Amino acid sequence: MSDSGKPLLAVKRAAKFYGNKLVFKEVSFEVLPGRILLVAGPNGAGKSTLMRIMAGLSKPSAGEVTLNLEPEDMAYLGHATFIYPGLTALENLRFWGAMYGLSPSRDELLALLARVGLERAAEEKAGSFSRGMAQRLNLARIYQADPKLIFLDEPGTGLDPASLRRLREEITSLRDRGVSVVWISHHVTEDAALADDVLALGGRKVEYFGPALGFVAEGAC
């Protein structure tokens, strides 16, 4: 794990409007290599909007986003899982691999499924999966691209306690592999303990950006 060096991504004085409605303004922060950045804030604070801007899926109304990595080195996991219910877990991964221009072997795909605890469900149709299993299959999908930076927009939504625990283990494992993670969570009290840094939005601005330990110490979560 690295906690120094050139930022993978830097946002400077970003603002976003929808028509005349201001979502946020003067938002500045950095995403460093090998660290987990937890994005917190109430509903409507603009967390998902900001993540989409970071991932290049939306443009800021003002300010700038600087990337120090190639777009193909990033991966985004939103609320939708994008799994194909009529395909098995293996078939889903094979299809997604082809979309990335990859030709993974069966053993490589099984290893991906084992990494997310789905090896026993390899030949099952994804349409029969629980929400937690679908999210884990979606994680295996983005693992194929071997990204350096992953965006996770509320990945714990709808998960049972066991699936949520496994998800948290996966996120910390990504950091251990040197991958940076930007993670939107509503379970801030529990998840801040796993993060390195916290960005808290509120009142249309940044209320806190800094070490997760300082955020917890302030009682902000």
C-alpha atoms as a PDB file:
ATOM      1  CA  MET A   1       0.000   0.000   0.000  1.00  0.00           C
ATOM      2  CA  SER A   2       1.215   3.484  -0.878  1.00  0.00           C
ATOM      3  CA  ASP A   3       0.053   6.686   0.741  1.00  0.00           C
ATOM      4  CA  SER A   4       2.290   9.141  -1.079  1.00  0.00           C
ATOM      5  CA  GLY A   5       3.207  10.272  -4.546  1.00  0.00           C
ATOM      6  CA  LYS A   6       1.385  12.107  -7.307  1.00  0.00           C
ATOM      7  CA  PRO A   7      -2.418  12.061  -6.940  1.00  0.00           C
ATOM      8  CA  LEU A   8      -4.250   9.766  -9.318  1.00  0.00           C
ATOM      9  CA  LEU A   9      -7.017  12.332  -9.533  1.00  0.00           C
ATOM     10  CA  ALA A  10      -7.397  15.924  -8.383  1.00  0.00           C
ATOM     11  CA  VAL A  11     -10.569  18.009  -8.280  1.00  0.00           C
ATOM     12  CA  LYS A  12     -10.148  21.767  -8.031  1.00  0.00           C
ATOM     13  CA  ARG A  13     -12.945  24.208  -7.193  1.00  0.00           C
ATOM     14  CA  ALA A  14     -15.596  22.061  -8.851  1.00  0.00           C
ATOM     15  CA  ALA A  15     -19.185  23.243  -8.998  1.00  0.00           C
ATOM     16  CA  LYS A  16     -22.301  21.642 -10.410  1.00  0.00           C
ATOM     17  CA  PHE A  17     -25.615  23.200 -11.379  1.00  0.00           C
ATOM     18  CA  TYR A  18     -28.743  21.525 -12.724  1.00  0.00           C
ATOM     19  CA  GLY A  19     -30.431  24.435 -14.407  1.00  0.00           C
ATOM     20  CA  ASN A  20     -30.526  27.139 -11.747  1.00  0.00           C
ATOM     21  CA  LYS A  21     -30.185  24.654  -8.890  1.00  0.00           C
ATOM     22  CA  LEU A  22     -26.770  24.564  -7.238  1.00  0.00           C
ATOM     23  CA  VAL A  23     -25.696  21.087  -6.129  1.00  0.00           C
ATOM     24  CA  PHE A  24     -22.278  22.074  -4.744  1.00  0.00           C
ATOM     25  CA  LYS A  25     -19.473  24.565  -5.322  1.00  0.00           C
ATOM     26  CA  GLU A  26     -15.799  25.120  -4.478  1.00  0.00           C
ATOM     27  CA  VAL A  27     -15.147  21.382  -4.072  1.00  0.00           C
ATOM     28  CA  SER A  28     -11.434  20.541  -4.026  1.00  0.00           C
ATOM     29  CA  PHE A  29      -9.649  17.331  -3.026  1.00  0.00           C
ATOM     30  CA  GLU A  30      -7.221  14.655  -4.240  1.00  0.00           C
ATOM     31  CA  VAL A  31      -7.270  10.866  -4.543  1.00  0.00           C
ATOM     32  CA  LEU A  32      -3.893   9.370  -3.650  1.00  0.00           C
ATOM     33  CA  PRO A  33      -2.493   5.988  -4.754  1.00  0.00           C
ATOM     34  CA  GLY A  34      -3.356   2.952  -2.640  1.00  0.00           C
ATOM     35  CA  ARG A  35      -5.874   4.699  -0.395  1.00  0.00           C
ATOM     36  CA  ILE A  36      -9.589   4.472   0.350  1.00  0.00           C
ATOM     37  CA  LEU A  37     -11.489   7.753   0.148  1.00  0.00           C
ATOM     38  CA  LEU A  38     -14.904   7.571   1.793  1.00  0.00           C
ATOM     39  CA  VAL A  39     -17.454  10.083   0.477  1.00  0.00           C
ATOM     40  CA  ALA A  40     -20.105  10.939   3.064  1.00  0.00           C
ATOM     41  CA  GLY A  41     -23.031  13.307   3.340  1.00  0.00           C
ATOM     42  CA  PRO A  42     -26.827  13.438   3.540  1.00  0.00           C
ATOM     43  CA  ASN A  43     -29.140  12.528   0.676  1.00  0.00           C
ATOM     44  CA  GLY A  44     -29.100  15.233  -1.944  1.00  0.00           C
ATOM     45  CA  ALA A  45     -25.631  16.511  -1.011  1.00  0.00           C
ATOM     46  CA  GLY A  46     -24.313  15.596  -4.469  1.00  0.00           C
ATOM     47  CA  LYS A  47     -22.193  12.543  -3.654  1.00  0.00           C
ATOM     48  CA  SER A  48     -23.219  10.512  -6.729  1.00  0.00           C
ATOM     49  CA  THR A  49     -23.037  13.599  -8.936  1.00  0.00           C
ATOM     50  CA  LEU A  50     -19.492  14.265  -7.750  1.00  0.00           C
ATOM     51  CA  MET A  51     -18.474  10.648  -8.326  1.00  0.00           C
ATOM     52  CA  ARG A  52     -19.822  10.757 -11.872  1.00  0.00           C
ATOM     53  CA  ILE A  53     -17.757  13.885 -12.483  1.00  0.00           C
ATOM     54  CA  MET A  54     -14.665  12.164 -11.086  1.00  0.00           C
ATOM     55  CA  ALA A  55     -15.259   9.142 -13.306  1.00  0.00           C
ATOM     56  CA  GLY A  56     -15.671  11.284 -16.419  1.00  0.00           C
ATOM     57  CA  LEU A  57     -19.369  10.424 -16.800  1.00  0.00           C
ATOM     58  CA  SER A  58     -20.448  14.032 -16.248  1.00  0.00           C
ATOM     59  CA  LYS A  59     -18.793  17.425 -16.565  1.00  0.00           C
ATOM     60  CA  PRO A  60     -18.546  20.015 -13.798  1.00  0.00           C
ATOM     61  CA  SER A  61     -20.271  23.338 -14.371  1.00  0.00           C
ATOM     62  CA  ALA A  62     -17.089  25.030 -13.138  1.00  0.00           C
ATOM     63  CA  GLY A  63     -13.680  23.958 -11.911  1.00  0.00           C
ATOM     64  CA  GLU A  64     -11.522  21.159 -13.230  1.00  0.00           C
ATOM     65  CA  VAL A  65     -10.667  17.481 -12.820  1.00  0.00           C
ATOM     66  CA  THR A  66      -7.075  16.384 -13.451  1.00  0.00           C
ATOM     67  CA  LEU A  67      -6.322  12.728 -14.134  1.00  0.00           C
ATOM     68  CA  ASN A  68      -2.841  11.278 -13.784  1.00  0.00           C
ATOM     69  CA  LEU A  69      -3.859   7.886 -15.151  1.00  0.00           C
ATOM     70  CA  GLU A  70      -5.480   6.592 -18.305  1.00  0.00           C
ATOM     71  CA  PRO A  71      -9.303   6.367 -18.390  1.00  0.00           C
ATOM     72  CA  GLU A  72      -9.051   2.610 -18.953  1.00  0.00           C
ATOM     73  CA  ASP A  73      -7.281   2.333 -15.595  1.00  0.00           C
ATOM     74  CA  MET A  74     -10.518   3.384 -13.846  1.00  0.00           C
ATOM     75  CA  ALA A  75     -13.648   1.344 -13.131  1.00  0.00           C
ATOM     76  CA  TYR A  76     -17.081   2.424 -11.940  1.00  0.00           C
ATOM     77  CA  LEU A  77     -19.679   0.438 -10.005  1.00  0.00           C
ATOM     78  CA  GLY A  78     -22.995   2.257  -9.703  1.00  0.00           C
ATOM     79  CA  HIS A  79     -26.392   1.238  -8.391  1.00  0.00           C
ATOM     80  CA  ALA A  80     -27.125  -1.009 -11.385  1.00  0.00           C
ATOM     81  CA  THR A  81     -25.207  -4.282 -11.554  1.00  0.00           C
ATOM     82  CA  PHE A  82     -25.346  -4.695 -15.359  1.00  0.00           C
ATOM     83  CA  ILE A  83     -25.467  -8.458 -15.069  1.00  0.00           C
ATOM     84  CA  TYR A  84     -27.285 -10.494 -17.707  1.00  0.00           C
ATOM     85  CA  PRO A  85     -29.813 -12.680 -15.852  1.00  0.00           C
ATOM     86  CA  GLY A  86     -30.031 -15.304 -18.595  1.00  0.00           C
ATOM     87  CA  LEU A  87     -26.278 -15.956 -18.522  1.00  0.00           C
ATOM     88  CA  THR A  88     -24.329 -17.899 -15.930  1.00  0.00           C
ATOM     89  CA  ALA A  89     -21.735 -16.188 -13.775  1.00  0.00           C
ATOM     90  CA  LEU A  90     -18.985 -17.560 -16.027  1.00  0.00           C
ATOM     91  CA  GLU A  91     -20.786 -16.450 -19.179  1.00  0.00           C
ATOM     92  CA  ASN A  92     -21.276 -12.962 -17.773  1.00  0.00           C
ATOM     93  CA  LEU A  93     -17.569 -12.654 -17.024  1.00  0.00           C
ATOM     94  CA  ARG A  94     -16.610 -14.038 -20.439  1.00  0.00           C
ATOM     95  CA  PHE A  95     -18.901 -11.525 -22.143  1.00  0.00           C
ATOM     96  CA  TRP A  96     -17.555  -8.616 -20.092  1.00  0.00           C
ATOM     97  CA  GLY A  97     -13.993  -9.759 -20.735  1.00  0.00           C
ATOM     98  CA  ALA A  98     -14.630  -9.575 -24.464  1.00  0.00           C
ATOM     99  CA  MET A  99     -15.930  -6.017 -24.001  1.00  0.00           C
ATOM    100  CA  TYR A 100     -12.566  -5.164 -22.413  1.00  0.00           C
ATOM    101  CA  GLY A 101     -10.764  -6.817 -25.325  1.00  0.00           C
ATOM    102  CA  LEU A 102      -9.701  -9.752 -23.158  1.00  0.00           C
ATOM    103  CA  SER A 103      -9.858 -13.489 -23.765  1.00  0.00           C
ATOM    104  CA  PRO A 104      -9.672 -14.988 -20.274  1.00  0.00           C
ATOM    105  CA  SER A 105      -9.419 -18.744 -19.854  1.00  0.00           C
ATOM    106  CA  ARG A 106     -11.950 -20.719 -17.843  1.00  0.00           C
ATOM    107  CA  ASP A 107      -9.405 -21.090 -15.041  1.00  0.00           C
ATOM    108  CA  GLU A 108      -8.827 -17.331 -14.969  1.00  0.00           C
ATOM    109  CA  LEU A 109     -12.569 -16.694 -14.769  1.00  0.00           C
ATOM    110  CA  LEU A 110     -12.966 -19.254 -11.996  1.00  0.00           C
ATOM    111  CA  ALA A 111     -10.155 -17.544 -10.110  1.00  0.00           C
ATOM    112  CA  LEU A 112     -12.040 -14.241 -10.388  1.00  0.00           C
ATOM    113  CA  LEU A 113     -15.186 -15.872  -9.044  1.00  0.00           C
ATOM    114  CA  ALA A 114     -13.224 -17.473  -6.209  1.00  0.00           C
ATOM    115  CA  ARG A 115     -11.846 -14.047  -5.310  1.00  0.00           C
ATOM    116  CA  VAL A 116     -15.399 -12.819  -4.626  1.00  0.00           C
ATOM    117  CA  GLY A 117     -16.641 -16.104  -3.123  1.00  0.00           C
ATOM    118  CA  LEU A 118     -18.770 -17.178  -6.094  1.00  0.00           C
ATOM    119  CA  GLU A 119     -16.827 -20.158  -7.396  1.00  0.00           C
ATOM    120  CA  ARG A 120     -19.637 -22.560  -6.418  1.00  0.00           C
ATOM    121  CA  ALA A 121     -22.122 -20.472  -8.402  1.00  0.00           C
ATOM    122  CA  ALA A 122     -20.037 -20.411 -11.583  1.00  0.00           C
ATOM    123  CA  GLU A 123     -22.592 -22.330 -13.666  1.00  0.00           C
ATOM    124  CA  GLU A 124     -25.709 -20.769 -12.114  1.00  0.00           C
ATOM    125  CA  LYS A 125     -27.821 -18.271 -14.029  1.00  0.00           C
ATOM    126  CA  ALA A 126     -27.203 -14.787 -12.669  1.00  0.00           C
ATOM    127  CA  GLY A 127     -30.948 -14.120 -12.610  1.00  0.00           C
ATOM    128  CA  SER A 128     -31.197 -16.387  -9.561  1.00  0.00           C
ATOM    129  CA  PHE A 129     -28.574 -14.424  -7.597  1.00  0.00           C
ATOM    130  CA  SER A 130     -29.344 -12.437  -4.463  1.00  0.00           C
ATOM    131  CA  ARG A 131     -28.481  -8.745  -4.409  1.00  0.00           C
ATOM    132  CA  GLY A 132     -25.263  -9.538  -2.574  1.00  0.00           C
ATOM    133  CA  MET A 133     -24.218 -12.195  -5.077  1.00  0.00           C
ATOM    134  CA  ALA A 134     -25.010  -9.862  -7.976  1.00  0.00           C
ATOM    135  CA  GLN A 135     -22.839  -7.143  -6.438  1.00  0.00           C
ATOM    136  CA  ARG A 136     -19.987  -9.594  -5.975  1.00  0.00           C
ATOM    137  CA  LEU A 137     -20.282 -10.706  -9.597  1.00  0.00           C
ATOM    138  CA  ASN A 138     -20.183  -7.054 -10.590  1.00  0.00           C
ATOM    139  CA  LEU A 139     -16.985  -6.655  -8.573  1.00  0.00           C
ATOM    140  CA  ALA A 140     -15.483  -9.614 -10.411  1.00  0.00           C
ATOM    141  CA  ARG A 141     -16.413  -7.837 -13.646  1.00  0.00           C
ATOM    142  CA  ILE A 142     -14.391  -4.748 -12.823  1.00  0.00           C
ATOM    143  CA  TYR A 143     -11.514  -6.833 -11.440  1.00  0.00           C
ATOM    144  CA  GLN A 144     -10.982  -8.161 -14.971  1.00  0.00           C
ATOM    145  CA  ALA A 145      -9.876  -4.724 -16.131  1.00  0.00           C
ATOM    146  CA  ASP A 146      -7.220  -4.613 -13.375  1.00  0.00           C
ATOM    147  CA  PRO A 147      -7.970  -0.945 -12.594  1.00  0.00           C
ATOM    148  CA  LYS A 148      -5.831   1.368 -10.505  1.00  0.00           C
ATOM    149  CA  LEU A 149      -8.815   3.417  -9.346  1.00  0.00           C
ATOM    150  CA  ILE A 150     -12.310   2.117  -8.576  1.00  0.00           C
ATOM    151  CA  PHE A 151     -15.436   4.163  -7.906  1.00  0.00           C
ATOM    152  CA  LEU A 152     -18.085   2.478  -5.747  1.00  0.00           C
ATOM    153  CA  ASP A 153     -21.436   4.252  -5.441  1.00  0.00           C
ATOM    154  CA  GLU A 154     -23.238   2.848  -2.385  1.00  0.00           C
ATOM    155  CA  PRO A 155     -22.244  -0.758  -3.106  1.00  0.00           C
ATOM    156  CA  GLY A 156     -23.717  -1.912   0.218  1.00  0.00           C
ATOM    157  CA  THR A 157     -27.284  -0.903  -0.647  1.00  0.00           C
ATOM    158  CA  GLY A 158     -29.676  -3.809  -0.077  1.00  0.00           C
ATOM    159  CA  LEU A 159     -27.025  -6.211   1.191  1.00  0.00           C
ATOM    160  CA  ASP A 160     -27.565  -8.519   4.127  1.00  0.00           C
ATOM    161  CA  PRO A 161     -25.048  -8.341   7.008  1.00  0.00           C
ATOM    162  CA  ALA A 162     -22.940 -11.258   5.728  1.00  0.00           C
ATOM    163  CA  SER A 163     -22.732  -9.814   2.203  1.00  0.00           C
ATOM    164  CA  LEU A 164     -21.934  -6.370   3.605  1.00  0.00           C
ATOM    165  CA  ARG A 165     -19.119  -7.831   5.685  1.00  0.00           C
ATOM    166  CA  ARG A 166     -17.667  -9.576   2.625  1.00  0.00           C
ATOM    167  CA  LEU A 167     -17.940  -6.356   0.610  1.00  0.00           C
ATOM    168  CA  ARG A 168     -15.929  -4.483   3.218  1.00  0.00           C
ATOM    169  CA  GLU A 169     -13.304  -7.214   3.134  1.00  0.00           C
ATOM    170  CA  GLU A 170     -13.140  -6.875  -0.652  1.00  0.00           C
ATOM    171  CA  ILE A 171     -12.666  -3.109  -0.442  1.00  0.00           C
ATOM    172  CA  THR A 172      -9.817  -3.347   2.057  1.00  0.00           C
ATOM    173  CA  SER A 173      -8.286  -6.143  -0.045  1.00  0.00           C
ATOM    174  CA  LEU A 174      -8.260  -3.800  -3.034  1.00  0.00           C
ATOM    175  CA  ARG A 175      -6.245  -1.276  -1.033  1.00  0.00           C
ATOM    176  CA  ASP A 176      -3.854  -4.037   0.006  1.00  0.00           C
ATOM    177  CA  ARG A 177      -3.302  -4.691  -3.718  1.00  0.00           C
ATOM    178  CA  GLY A 178      -2.412  -1.042  -4.259  1.00  0.00           C
ATOM    179  CA  VAL A 179      -5.740  -0.047  -5.809  1.00  0.00           C
ATOM    180  CA  SER A 180      -7.314   3.282  -4.871  1.00  0.00           C
ATOM    181  CA  VAL A 181     -11.024   3.238  -3.993  1.00  0.00           C
ATOM    182  CA  VAL A 182     -13.510   6.112  -3.893  1.00  0.00           C
ATOM    183  CA  TRP A 183     -16.442   4.798  -1.885  1.00  0.00           C
ATOM    184  CA  ILE A 184     -19.836   6.376  -1.253  1.00  0.00           C
ATOM    185  CA  SER A 185     -21.424   4.896   1.853  1.00  0.00           C
ATOM    186  CA  HIS A 186     -24.417   5.514   4.084  1.00  0.00           C
ATOM    187  CA  HIS A 187     -22.829   3.307   6.784  1.00  0.00           C
ATOM    188  CA  VAL A 188     -20.406   6.085   7.659  1.00  0.00           C
ATOM    189  CA  THR A 189     -19.779   5.167  11.288  1.00  0.00           C
ATOM    190  CA  GLU A 190     -18.669   1.630  10.405  1.00  0.00           C
ATOM    191  CA  ASP A 191     -16.978   2.375   7.081  1.00  0.00           C
ATOM    192  CA  ALA A 192     -14.942   5.412   8.164  1.00  0.00           C
ATOM    193  CA  ALA A 193     -12.930   3.002  10.308  1.00  0.00           C
ATOM    194  CA  LEU A 194     -11.820   1.211   7.113  1.00  0.00           C
ATOM    195  CA  ALA A 195     -11.027   4.339   5.108  1.00  0.00           C
ATOM    196  CA  ASP A 196      -7.843   6.385   4.924  1.00  0.00           C
ATOM    197  CA  ASP A 197      -9.480   9.682   4.027  1.00  0.00           C
ATOM    198  CA  VAL A 198     -12.988  11.144   4.209  1.00  0.00           C
ATOM    199  CA  LEU A 199     -14.667  13.737   2.021  1.00  0.00           C
ATOM    200  CA  ALA A 200     -17.903  14.966   3.597  1.00  0.00           C
ATOM    201  CA  LEU A 201     -20.350  17.046   1.573  1.00  0.00           C
ATOM    202  CA  GLY A 202     -23.074  19.169   3.104  1.00  0.00           C
ATOM    203  CA  GLY A 203     -24.630  22.576   2.660  1.00  0.00           C
ATOM    204  CA  ARG A 204     -23.558  22.576  -1.024  1.00  0.00           C
ATOM    205  CA  LYS A 205     -19.872  22.495  -0.102  1.00  0.00           C
ATOM    206  CA  VAL A 206     -17.106  20.394   1.444  1.00  0.00           C
ATOM    207  CA  GLU A 207     -17.624  20.176   5.190  1.00  0.00           C
ATOM    208  CA  TYR A 208     -14.570  17.968   5.800  1.00  0.00           C
ATOM    209  CA  PHE A 209     -11.677  16.581   3.793  1.00  0.00           C
ATOM    210  CA  GLY A 210      -8.820  14.866   5.528  1.00  0.00           C
ATOM    211  CA  PRO A 211      -7.728  11.747   7.413  1.00  0.00           C
ATOM    212  CA  ALA A 212     -10.499   9.372   8.424  1.00  0.00           C
ATOM    213  CA  LEU A 213      -9.134   9.303  11.984  1.00  0.00           C
ATOM    214  CA  GLY A 214      -9.649  13.059  12.272  1.00  0.00           C
ATOM    215  CA  PHE A 215     -13.192  12.748  10.931  1.00  0.00           C
ATOM    216  CA  VAL A 216     -14.003  10.076  13.507  1.00  0.00           C
ATOM    217  CA  ALA A 217     -12.303  12.034  16.290  1.00  0.00           C
ATOM    218  CA  GLU A 218     -14.443  15.061  15.497  1.00  0.00           C
ATOM    219  CA  GLY A 219     -17.513  12.924  15.895  1.00  0.00           C
ATOM    220  CA  ALA A 220     -18.690  13.939  12.433  1.00  0.00           C
ATOM    221  CA  CYS A 221     -19.943  10.442  11.726  1.00  0.00           C
END
